Amino acid sequence: MPNVIRQQVGALLMLSNMMFLILSLGCAEKVDLAAETKTLNDHVAKVQTAINDSNFPEFVSLFMSDAKITRPDSSIFEGTEAIEGWAREAFGNYTFESRLASEKLLIYPGAKKAFDRGIYHLNRTPKDGGNLEKESGWYRLFWYKQKDGTWRIYRLNWLKAPSASEEEDAF
């Protein structure tokens, strides 16, 4: 008898959790996922344009005040001031040509958070006449929708792709 009661209690708990989930989804505001997807894809294009135009004010405006950027060299820039300082220095010293190609965009239920991952290619030329530097890898963008309906970046992670020799050394 105790096993039967245990199974019934377990089934009842599972059913109540499922009902809570169904009710909470039903109460969520209706979201136009196609419109949200277009908006976020447009924002990714804004990131790319701001980099290519060395427009650090536009670049910084896409981030939340407590956002964080992690670079492939493990440097971290946290908060608007740090991101602006990094962008001002980078855009002041280099000319950029970037390409961001989204591979997967996921908008979480309720459309308040989103995640985008993709590939980036970056050509960086020092403005003082140095050699062209090329970098490729993956990016991860974490977005939060603000109360005013705008999307802002909470996290941007740049992950450098391993070189062929690094890949060979790994095995």
N, C-alpha and C. Protein backbone atom coordinates (compact mmCIF):
# COMPACT_ATOMS: atom_id res chain seq x y z
N MET A 1 0.79 -1.20 0.00
CA MET A 1 0.00 0.00 0.00
C MET A 1 0.84 1.28 0.00
N PRO A 2 1.93 1.37 0.79
CA PRO A 2 2.71 2.60 0.81
C PRO A 2 3.25 2.98 -0.58
N ASN A 3 3.63 1.99 -1.40
CA ASN A 3 4.14 2.30 -2.73
C ASN A 3 3.06 2.90 -3.62
N VAL A 4 1.85 2.41 -3.48
CA VAL A 4 0.74 2.94 -4.27
C VAL A 4 0.48 4.40 -3.87
N ILE A 5 0.50 4.68 -2.59
CA ILE A 5 0.27 6.05 -2.11
C ILE A 5 1.41 6.95 -2.60
N ARG A 6 2.64 6.47 -2.52
CA ARG A 6 3.80 7.24 -2.97
C ARG A 6 3.66 7.56 -4.46
N GLN A 7 3.23 6.59 -5.26
CA GLN A 7 3.05 6.81 -6.69
C GLN A 7 1.95 7.83 -6.96
N GLN A 8 0.85 7.73 -6.21
CA GLN A 8 -0.25 8.66 -6.39
C GLN A 8 0.16 10.08 -6.01
N VAL A 9 0.89 10.23 -4.91
CA VAL A 9 1.38 11.55 -4.49
C VAL A 9 2.33 12.11 -5.55
N GLY A 10 3.22 11.27 -6.05
CA GLY A 10 4.15 11.70 -7.10
C GLY A 10 3.41 12.14 -8.35
N ALA A 11 2.40 11.38 -8.76
CA ALA A 11 1.61 11.74 -9.93
C ALA A 11 0.86 13.03 -9.70
N LEU A 12 0.33 13.22 -8.50
CA LEU A 12 -0.41 14.43 -8.17
C LEU A 12 0.52 15.65 -8.20
N LEU A 13 1.73 15.52 -7.66
CA LEU A 13 2.70 16.62 -7.70
C LEU A 13 3.09 16.96 -9.13
N MET A 14 3.31 15.93 -9.94
CA MET A 14 3.67 16.16 -11.33
C MET A 14 2.53 16.89 -12.05
N LEU A 15 1.30 16.45 -11.81
CA LEU A 15 0.15 17.07 -12.43
C LEU A 15 0.00 18.53 -12.00
N SER A 16 0.22 18.81 -10.71
CA SER A 16 0.09 20.20 -10.24
C SER A 16 1.18 21.08 -10.85
N ASN A 17 2.41 20.55 -11.00
CA ASN A 17 3.48 21.31 -11.65
C ASN A 17 3.15 21.59 -13.10
N MET A 18 2.60 20.60 -13.79
CA MET A 18 2.23 20.79 -15.19
C MET A 18 1.12 21.83 -15.31
N MET A 19 0.13 21.80 -14.41
CA MET A 19 -0.96 22.78 -14.44
C MET A 19 -0.42 24.19 -14.19
N PHE A 20 0.52 24.32 -13.24
CA PHE A 20 1.11 25.63 -12.98
C PHE A 20 1.81 26.16 -14.23
N LEU A 21 2.57 25.29 -14.90
CA LEU A 21 3.27 25.68 -16.11
C LEU A 21 2.29 26.09 -17.19
N ILE A 22 1.26 25.32 -17.39
CA ILE A 22 0.26 25.63 -18.42
C ILE A 22 -0.43 26.96 -18.11
N LEU A 23 -0.83 27.15 -16.85
CA LEU A 23 -1.49 28.39 -16.47
C LEU A 23 -0.57 29.59 -16.60
N SER A 24 0.69 29.43 -16.21
CA SER A 24 1.62 30.56 -16.30
C SER A 24 1.91 30.90 -17.76
N LEU A 25 1.97 29.91 -18.63
CA LEU A 25 2.16 30.20 -20.05
C LEU A 25 0.93 30.87 -20.63
N GLY A 26 -0.24 30.45 -20.18
CA GLY A 26 -1.47 31.05 -20.67
C GLY A 26 -1.62 32.49 -20.24
N CYS A 27 -1.03 32.86 -19.10
CA CYS A 27 -1.14 34.22 -18.59
C CYS A 27 -0.10 35.14 -19.20
N ALA A 28 0.89 34.57 -19.84
CA ALA A 28 1.95 35.39 -20.43
C ALA A 28 1.38 36.23 -21.56
N GLU A 29 1.96 37.41 -21.72
CA GLU A 29 1.51 38.27 -22.81
C GLU A 29 1.81 37.60 -24.15
N LYS A 30 0.98 37.89 -25.11
CA LYS A 30 1.19 37.33 -26.44
C LYS A 30 2.39 38.01 -27.07
N VAL A 31 3.26 37.23 -27.68
CA VAL A 31 4.51 37.73 -28.23
C VAL A 31 4.54 37.43 -29.71
N ASP A 32 4.90 38.44 -30.50
CA ASP A 32 5.09 38.26 -31.93
C ASP A 32 6.55 37.85 -32.14
N LEU A 33 6.81 36.54 -32.16
CA LEU A 33 8.18 36.05 -32.26
C LEU A 33 8.86 36.47 -33.55
N ALA A 34 8.12 36.55 -34.64
CA ALA A 34 8.72 36.98 -35.91
C ALA A 34 9.22 38.42 -35.80
N ALA A 35 8.43 39.29 -35.17
CA ALA A 35 8.84 40.69 -35.00
C ALA A 35 10.03 40.79 -34.05
N GLU A 36 10.00 40.03 -32.96
CA GLU A 36 11.12 40.06 -32.00
C GLU A 36 12.40 39.53 -32.65
N THR A 37 12.27 38.48 -33.46
CA THR A 37 13.43 37.92 -34.16
C THR A 37 14.01 38.95 -35.11
N LYS A 38 13.18 39.63 -35.85
CA LYS A 38 13.66 40.66 -36.79
C LYS A 38 14.36 41.78 -36.02
N THR A 39 13.75 42.21 -34.92
CA THR A 39 14.36 43.27 -34.11
C THR A 39 15.74 42.86 -33.61
N LEU A 40 15.86 41.65 -33.10
CA LEU A 40 17.16 41.19 -32.59
C LEU A 40 18.17 41.03 -33.71
N ASN A 41 17.76 40.52 -34.87
CA ASN A 41 18.67 40.43 -36.00
C ASN A 41 19.13 41.82 -36.45
N ASP A 42 18.22 42.79 -36.41
CA ASP A 42 18.60 44.18 -36.73
C ASP A 42 19.61 44.70 -35.71
N HIS A 43 19.45 44.32 -34.45
CA HIS A 43 20.39 44.76 -33.42
C HIS A 43 21.78 44.14 -33.62
N VAL A 44 21.83 42.89 -34.05
CA VAL A 44 23.12 42.27 -34.36
C VAL A 44 23.79 43.05 -35.50
N ALA A 45 23.00 43.44 -36.49
CA ALA A 45 23.54 44.25 -37.59
C ALA A 45 24.04 45.60 -37.07
N LYS A 46 23.36 46.17 -36.07
CA LYS A 46 23.81 47.43 -35.47
C LYS A 46 25.16 47.26 -34.78
N VAL A 47 25.35 46.12 -34.12
CA VAL A 47 26.64 45.84 -33.48
C VAL A 47 27.73 45.85 -34.55
N GLN A 48 27.49 45.12 -35.63
CA GLN A 48 28.46 45.02 -36.72
C GLN A 48 28.73 46.40 -37.32
N THR A 49 27.69 47.18 -37.60
CA THR A 49 27.86 48.51 -38.19
C THR A 49 28.63 49.43 -37.26
N ALA A 50 28.32 49.40 -35.97
CA ALA A 50 29.03 50.25 -35.01
C ALA A 50 30.52 49.91 -34.98
N ILE A 51 30.84 48.63 -35.05
CA ILE A 51 32.26 48.22 -35.09
C ILE A 51 32.91 48.71 -36.37
N ASN A 52 32.27 48.46 -37.51
CA ASN A 52 32.86 48.84 -38.80
C ASN A 52 33.01 50.34 -38.95
N ASP A 53 32.10 51.11 -38.34
CA ASP A 53 32.16 52.57 -38.42
C ASP A 53 32.98 53.18 -37.29
N SER A 54 33.54 52.34 -36.42
CA SER A 54 34.27 52.82 -35.23
C SER A 54 33.42 53.81 -34.45
N ASN A 55 32.15 53.51 -34.33
CA ASN A 55 31.19 54.39 -33.66
C ASN A 55 30.98 53.89 -32.23
N PHE A 56 31.90 54.30 -31.34
CA PHE A 56 31.81 53.76 -29.98
C PHE A 56 30.56 54.24 -29.23
N PRO A 57 30.04 55.47 -29.46
CA PRO A 57 28.79 55.81 -28.75
C PRO A 57 27.62 54.89 -29.14
N GLU A 58 27.49 54.58 -30.42
CA GLU A 58 26.43 53.66 -30.87
C GLU A 58 26.67 52.26 -30.30
N PHE A 59 27.91 51.80 -30.34
CA PHE A 59 28.26 50.49 -29.81
C PHE A 59 27.87 50.40 -28.34
N VAL A 60 28.27 51.36 -27.55
CA VAL A 60 28.01 51.35 -26.11
C VAL A 60 26.51 51.45 -25.83
N SER A 61 25.77 52.17 -26.67
CA SER A 61 24.34 52.35 -26.43
C SER A 61 23.55 51.05 -26.55
N LEU A 62 24.14 50.02 -27.12
CA LEU A 62 23.46 48.74 -27.28
C LEU A 62 23.53 47.88 -26.02
N PHE A 63 24.29 48.32 -25.02
CA PHE A 63 24.53 47.53 -23.82
C PHE A 63 23.75 48.05 -22.62
N MET A 64 23.41 47.14 -21.70
CA MET A 64 22.84 47.52 -20.41
C MET A 64 23.95 48.15 -19.57
N SER A 65 23.56 48.89 -18.55
CA SER A 65 24.56 49.58 -17.73
C SER A 65 25.49 48.61 -16.99
N ASP A 66 25.02 47.40 -16.68
CA ASP A 66 25.86 46.43 -15.97
C ASP A 66 26.31 45.29 -16.89
N ALA A 67 26.36 45.57 -18.17
CA ALA A 67 26.75 44.55 -19.15
C ALA A 67 28.22 44.17 -18.99
N LYS A 68 28.57 43.07 -19.63
CA LYS A 68 29.94 42.58 -19.56
C LYS A 68 30.36 42.07 -20.94
N ILE A 69 31.58 42.43 -21.34
CA ILE A 69 32.20 41.90 -22.56
C ILE A 69 33.38 41.05 -22.13
N THR A 70 33.48 39.87 -22.69
CA THR A 70 34.63 39.00 -22.47
C THR A 70 35.31 38.80 -23.82
N ARG A 71 36.58 39.13 -23.88
CA ARG A 71 37.37 39.03 -25.12
C ARG A 71 38.09 37.69 -25.17
N PRO A 72 38.56 37.29 -26.38
CA PRO A 72 39.26 36.00 -26.51
C PRO A 72 40.51 35.89 -25.64
N ASP A 73 41.15 37.04 -25.33
CA ASP A 73 42.35 37.01 -24.48
C ASP A 73 41.99 36.95 -22.99
N SER A 74 40.72 36.71 -22.69
CA SER A 74 40.19 36.61 -21.33
C SER A 74 40.04 37.95 -20.62
N SER A 75 40.30 39.05 -21.33
CA SER A 75 40.05 40.35 -20.70
C SER A 75 38.54 40.55 -20.58
N ILE A 76 38.14 41.20 -19.50
CA ILE A 76 36.72 41.41 -19.21
C ILE A 76 36.49 42.90 -19.00
N PHE A 77 35.44 43.40 -19.62
CA PHE A 77 35.04 44.80 -19.47
C PHE A 77 33.62 44.79 -18.94
N GLU A 78 33.45 45.27 -17.71
CA GLU A 78 32.15 45.18 -17.05
C GLU A 78 31.64 46.57 -16.73
N GLY A 79 30.41 46.85 -17.16
CA GLY A 79 29.77 48.13 -16.91
C GLY A 79 30.01 49.09 -18.06
N THR A 80 29.14 50.08 -18.15
CA THR A 80 29.17 51.04 -19.25
C THR A 80 30.51 51.77 -19.35
N GLU A 81 31.03 52.21 -18.22
CA GLU A 81 32.30 52.96 -18.24
C GLU A 81 33.43 52.12 -18.81
N ALA A 82 33.56 50.89 -18.36
CA ALA A 82 34.63 50.02 -18.84
C ALA A 82 34.45 49.69 -20.32
N ILE A 83 33.22 49.41 -20.73
CA ILE A 83 32.96 49.09 -22.13
C ILE A 83 33.24 50.32 -23.00
N GLU A 84 32.81 51.49 -22.55
CA GLU A 84 33.07 52.71 -23.31
C GLU A 84 34.57 52.99 -23.41
N GLY A 85 35.29 52.81 -22.31
CA GLY A 85 36.74 53.03 -22.34
C GLY A 85 37.44 52.09 -23.30
N TRP A 86 37.06 50.82 -23.25
CA TRP A 86 37.65 49.85 -24.17
C TRP A 86 37.31 50.20 -25.62
N ALA A 87 36.03 50.51 -25.89
CA ALA A 87 35.60 50.82 -27.26
C ALA A 87 36.28 52.10 -27.76
N ARG A 88 36.37 53.10 -26.91
CA ARG A 88 37.01 54.36 -27.30
C ARG A 88 38.46 54.11 -27.71
N GLU A 89 39.17 53.32 -26.91
CA GLU A 89 40.57 53.02 -27.21
C GLU A 89 40.69 52.17 -28.48
N ALA A 90 39.90 51.10 -28.56
CA ALA A 90 39.97 50.20 -29.72
C ALA A 90 39.59 50.92 -31.00
N PHE A 91 38.47 51.64 -30.98
CA PHE A 91 38.02 52.33 -32.19
C PHE A 91 38.91 53.51 -32.53
N GLY A 92 39.59 54.07 -31.52
CA GLY A 92 40.51 55.17 -31.77
C GLY A 92 41.83 54.72 -32.37
N ASN A 93 42.24 53.48 -32.09
CA ASN A 93 43.54 52.98 -32.54
C ASN A 93 43.49 52.08 -33.76
N TYR A 94 42.32 51.57 -34.10
CA TYR A 94 42.20 50.61 -35.19
C TYR A 94 41.06 50.97 -36.13
N THR A 95 41.21 50.51 -37.36
CA THR A 95 40.11 50.51 -38.32
C THR A 95 39.64 49.07 -38.39
N PHE A 96 38.34 48.87 -38.31
CA PHE A 96 37.78 47.52 -38.26
C PHE A 96 36.95 47.21 -39.50
N GLU A 97 36.99 45.96 -39.86
CA GLU A 97 36.04 45.40 -40.81
C GLU A 97 35.57 44.10 -40.17
N SER A 98 34.29 44.06 -39.80
CA SER A 98 33.79 42.89 -39.10
C SER A 98 32.61 42.29 -39.87
N ARG A 99 32.40 41.02 -39.59
CA ARG A 99 31.24 40.32 -40.14
C ARG A 99 30.73 39.38 -39.05
N LEU A 100 29.47 39.54 -38.70
CA LEU A 100 28.84 38.67 -37.72
C LEU A 100 27.78 37.85 -38.43
N ALA A 101 27.81 36.56 -38.25
CA ALA A 101 26.84 35.66 -38.89
C ALA A 101 26.16 34.83 -37.81
N SER A 102 24.92 35.15 -37.54
CA SER A 102 24.15 34.45 -36.52
C SER A 102 23.88 33.02 -36.96
N GLU A 103 24.10 32.09 -36.04
CA GLU A 103 23.79 30.68 -36.30
C GLU A 103 22.53 30.24 -35.59
N LYS A 104 22.28 30.80 -34.42
CA LYS A 104 21.12 30.38 -33.64
C LYS A 104 20.66 31.53 -32.77
N LEU A 105 19.40 31.88 -32.91
CA LEU A 105 18.79 32.89 -32.07
C LEU A 105 17.66 32.21 -31.30
N LEU A 106 17.70 32.34 -29.99
CA LEU A 106 16.70 31.73 -29.13
C LEU A 106 16.06 32.82 -28.30
N ILE A 107 14.75 32.96 -28.43
CA ILE A 107 14.00 33.91 -27.61
C ILE A 107 13.27 33.09 -26.56
N TYR A 108 13.53 33.40 -25.31
CA TYR A 108 12.95 32.64 -24.21
C TYR A 108 11.47 32.95 -24.06
N PRO A 109 10.69 32.02 -23.48
CA PRO A 109 9.25 32.25 -23.28
C PRO A 109 9.01 33.57 -22.56
N GLY A 110 8.02 34.30 -23.03
CA GLY A 110 7.72 35.60 -22.47
C GLY A 110 8.48 36.71 -23.17
N ALA A 111 9.45 36.35 -24.01
CA ALA A 111 10.23 37.29 -24.82
C ALA A 111 10.87 38.41 -24.01
N LYS A 112 11.44 38.06 -22.87
CA LYS A 112 12.16 39.05 -22.05
C LYS A 112 13.67 38.83 -22.12
N LYS A 113 14.07 37.64 -22.55
CA LYS A 113 15.49 37.30 -22.69
C LYS A 113 15.69 36.63 -24.03
N ALA A 114 16.89 36.80 -24.57
CA ALA A 114 17.22 36.14 -25.82
C ALA A 114 18.71 35.81 -25.82
N PHE A 115 19.05 34.83 -26.61
CA PHE A 115 20.43 34.36 -26.73
C PHE A 115 20.72 34.22 -28.22
N ASP A 116 21.85 34.73 -28.64
CA ASP A 116 22.27 34.61 -30.04
C ASP A 116 23.70 34.11 -30.07
N ARG A 117 23.94 33.15 -30.91
CA ARG A 117 25.33 32.69 -31.09
C ARG A 117 25.62 32.68 -32.58
N GLY A 118 26.87 32.91 -32.89
CA GLY A 118 27.26 32.93 -34.29
C GLY A 118 28.76 32.97 -34.46
N ILE A 119 29.14 33.24 -35.67
CA ILE A 119 30.56 33.29 -36.06
C ILE A 119 30.91 34.74 -36.36
N TYR A 120 32.11 35.13 -35.98
CA TYR A 120 32.57 36.48 -36.34
C TYR A 120 33.90 36.38 -37.07
N HIS A 121 34.11 37.34 -37.96
CA HIS A 121 35.38 37.54 -38.64
C HIS A 121 35.72 39.01 -38.45
N LEU A 122 36.94 39.28 -38.06
CA LEU A 122 37.35 40.64 -37.75
C LEU A 122 38.71 40.92 -38.37
N ASN A 123 38.76 41.96 -39.18
CA ASN A 123 40.02 42.48 -39.68
C ASN A 123 40.27 43.79 -38.96
N ARG A 124 41.46 43.91 -38.40
CA ARG A 124 41.81 45.06 -37.58
C ARG A 124 43.12 45.62 -38.11
N THR A 125 43.10 46.90 -38.51
CA THR A 125 44.30 47.55 -39.02
C THR A 125 44.65 48.72 -38.11
N PRO A 126 45.86 48.74 -37.55
CA PRO A 126 46.25 49.88 -36.71
C PRO A 126 46.23 51.18 -37.52
N LYS A 127 45.69 52.22 -36.94
CA LYS A 127 45.61 53.50 -37.63
C LYS A 127 46.98 54.14 -37.81
N ASP A 128 47.97 53.67 -37.02
CA ASP A 128 49.32 54.22 -37.15
C ASP A 128 50.11 53.54 -38.25
N GLY A 129 49.44 52.67 -39.04
CA GLY A 129 50.09 52.08 -40.21
C GLY A 129 50.65 50.69 -40.00
N GLY A 130 50.32 50.02 -38.95
CA GLY A 130 50.82 48.68 -38.70
C GLY A 130 50.18 47.65 -39.63
N ASN A 131 50.50 46.39 -39.39
CA ASN A 131 50.00 45.29 -40.22
C ASN A 131 48.56 44.91 -39.89
N LEU A 132 47.87 44.42 -40.88
CA LEU A 132 46.51 43.91 -40.73
C LEU A 132 46.52 42.71 -39.79
N GLU A 133 45.61 42.70 -38.85
CA GLU A 133 45.43 41.58 -37.93
C GLU A 133 44.08 40.96 -38.21
N LYS A 134 44.05 39.63 -38.32
CA LYS A 134 42.79 38.93 -38.59
C LYS A 134 42.44 38.06 -37.40
N GLU A 135 41.16 38.02 -37.10
CA GLU A 135 40.68 37.21 -35.99
C GLU A 135 39.33 36.63 -36.38
N SER A 136 39.12 35.38 -36.06
CA SER A 136 37.84 34.73 -36.30
C SER A 136 37.49 33.89 -35.09
N GLY A 137 36.22 33.66 -34.92
CA GLY A 137 35.78 32.83 -33.81
C GLY A 137 34.28 32.84 -33.68
N TRP A 138 33.83 32.64 -32.46
CA TRP A 138 32.40 32.59 -32.18
C TRP A 138 32.04 33.73 -31.27
N TYR A 139 30.82 34.17 -31.38
CA TYR A 139 30.32 35.15 -30.42
C TYR A 139 29.07 34.60 -29.76
N ARG A 140 28.82 35.09 -28.56
CA ARG A 140 27.61 34.77 -27.81
C ARG A 140 27.04 36.09 -27.29
N LEU A 141 25.82 36.38 -27.66
CA LEU A 141 25.14 37.59 -27.21
C LEU A 141 23.97 37.19 -26.32
N PHE A 142 23.88 37.80 -25.17
CA PHE A 142 22.76 37.60 -24.26
C PHE A 142 22.01 38.92 -24.17
N TRP A 143 20.75 38.90 -24.53
CA TRP A 143 19.93 40.11 -24.60
C TRP A 143 18.87 40.10 -23.50
N TYR A 144 18.56 41.28 -22.98
CA TYR A 144 17.42 41.45 -22.07
C TYR A 144 16.53 42.56 -22.65
N LYS A 145 15.24 42.30 -22.61
CA LYS A 145 14.29 43.31 -23.06
C LYS A 145 14.01 44.25 -21.90
N GLN A 146 14.14 45.53 -22.17
CA GLN A 146 13.94 46.55 -21.14
C GLN A 146 12.45 46.87 -20.98
N LYS A 147 12.12 47.56 -19.91
CA LYS A 147 10.73 47.92 -19.65
C LYS A 147 10.14 48.78 -20.76
N ASP A 148 11.00 49.56 -21.44
CA ASP A 148 10.51 50.41 -22.52
C ASP A 148 10.37 49.66 -23.85
N GLY A 149 10.66 48.34 -23.82
CA GLY A 149 10.49 47.51 -25.01
C GLY A 149 11.75 47.36 -25.86
N THR A 150 12.83 48.07 -25.52
CA THR A 150 14.06 47.95 -26.29
C THR A 150 14.88 46.76 -25.79
N TRP A 151 15.67 46.21 -26.67
CA TRP A 151 16.57 45.12 -26.31
C TRP A 151 17.95 45.70 -26.07
N ARG A 152 18.61 45.23 -25.01
CA ARG A 152 19.98 45.64 -24.70
C ARG A 152 20.82 44.39 -24.44
N ILE A 153 22.10 44.50 -24.74
CA ILE A 153 23.03 43.40 -24.52
C ILE A 153 23.41 43.36 -23.05
N TYR A 154 23.31 42.16 -22.48
CA TYR A 154 23.73 41.95 -21.10
C TYR A 154 25.13 41.33 -21.05
N ARG A 155 25.39 40.43 -21.97
CA ARG A 155 26.70 39.79 -22.08
C ARG A 155 27.07 39.65 -23.55
N LEU A 156 28.33 39.91 -23.84
CA LEU A 156 28.90 39.64 -25.16
C LEU A 156 30.19 38.89 -24.92
N ASN A 157 30.24 37.67 -25.40
CA ASN A 157 31.44 36.84 -25.28
C ASN A 157 32.01 36.61 -26.67
N TRP A 158 33.26 37.00 -26.84
CA TRP A 158 33.99 36.72 -28.07
C TRP A 158 34.88 35.52 -27.78
N LEU A 159 34.76 34.47 -28.55
CA LEU A 159 35.55 33.25 -28.35
C LEU A 159 36.35 33.00 -29.62
N LYS A 160 37.65 33.08 -29.51
CA LYS A 160 38.51 32.92 -30.67
C LYS A 160 38.55 31.47 -31.11
N ALA A 161 38.48 31.26 -32.42
CA ALA A 161 38.59 29.91 -32.98
C ALA A 161 40.03 29.44 -32.83
N PRO A 162 40.25 28.19 -32.49
CA PRO A 162 41.62 27.68 -32.39
C PRO A 162 42.26 27.60 -33.77
N SER A 163 43.54 27.86 -33.82
CA SER A 163 44.26 27.72 -35.09
C SER A 163 44.42 26.23 -35.39
N ALA A 164 44.81 25.93 -36.61
CA ALA A 164 45.00 24.53 -37.02
C ALA A 164 46.04 23.85 -36.13
N SER A 165 47.13 24.56 -35.79
CA SER A 165 48.17 23.95 -34.96
C SER A 165 47.67 23.73 -33.53
N GLU A 166 46.82 24.66 -33.02
CA GLU A 166 46.25 24.50 -31.69
C GLU A 166 45.32 23.27 -31.66
N GLU A 167 44.56 23.09 -32.73
CA GLU A 167 43.66 21.94 -32.80
C GLU A 167 44.46 20.64 -32.84
N GLU A 168 45.58 20.62 -33.60
CA GLU A 168 46.40 19.42 -33.69
C GLU A 168 47.04 19.11 -32.35
N ASP A 169 47.47 20.17 -31.61
CA ASP A 169 48.09 19.95 -30.31
C ASP A 169 47.11 19.41 -29.29
N ALA A 170 45.82 19.66 -29.50
CA ALA A 170 44.80 19.20 -28.56
C ALA A 170 44.59 17.70 -28.61
N PHE A 171 45.01 17.07 -29.71
CA PHE A 171 44.77 15.62 -29.86
C PHE A 171 46.05 14.83 -29.84
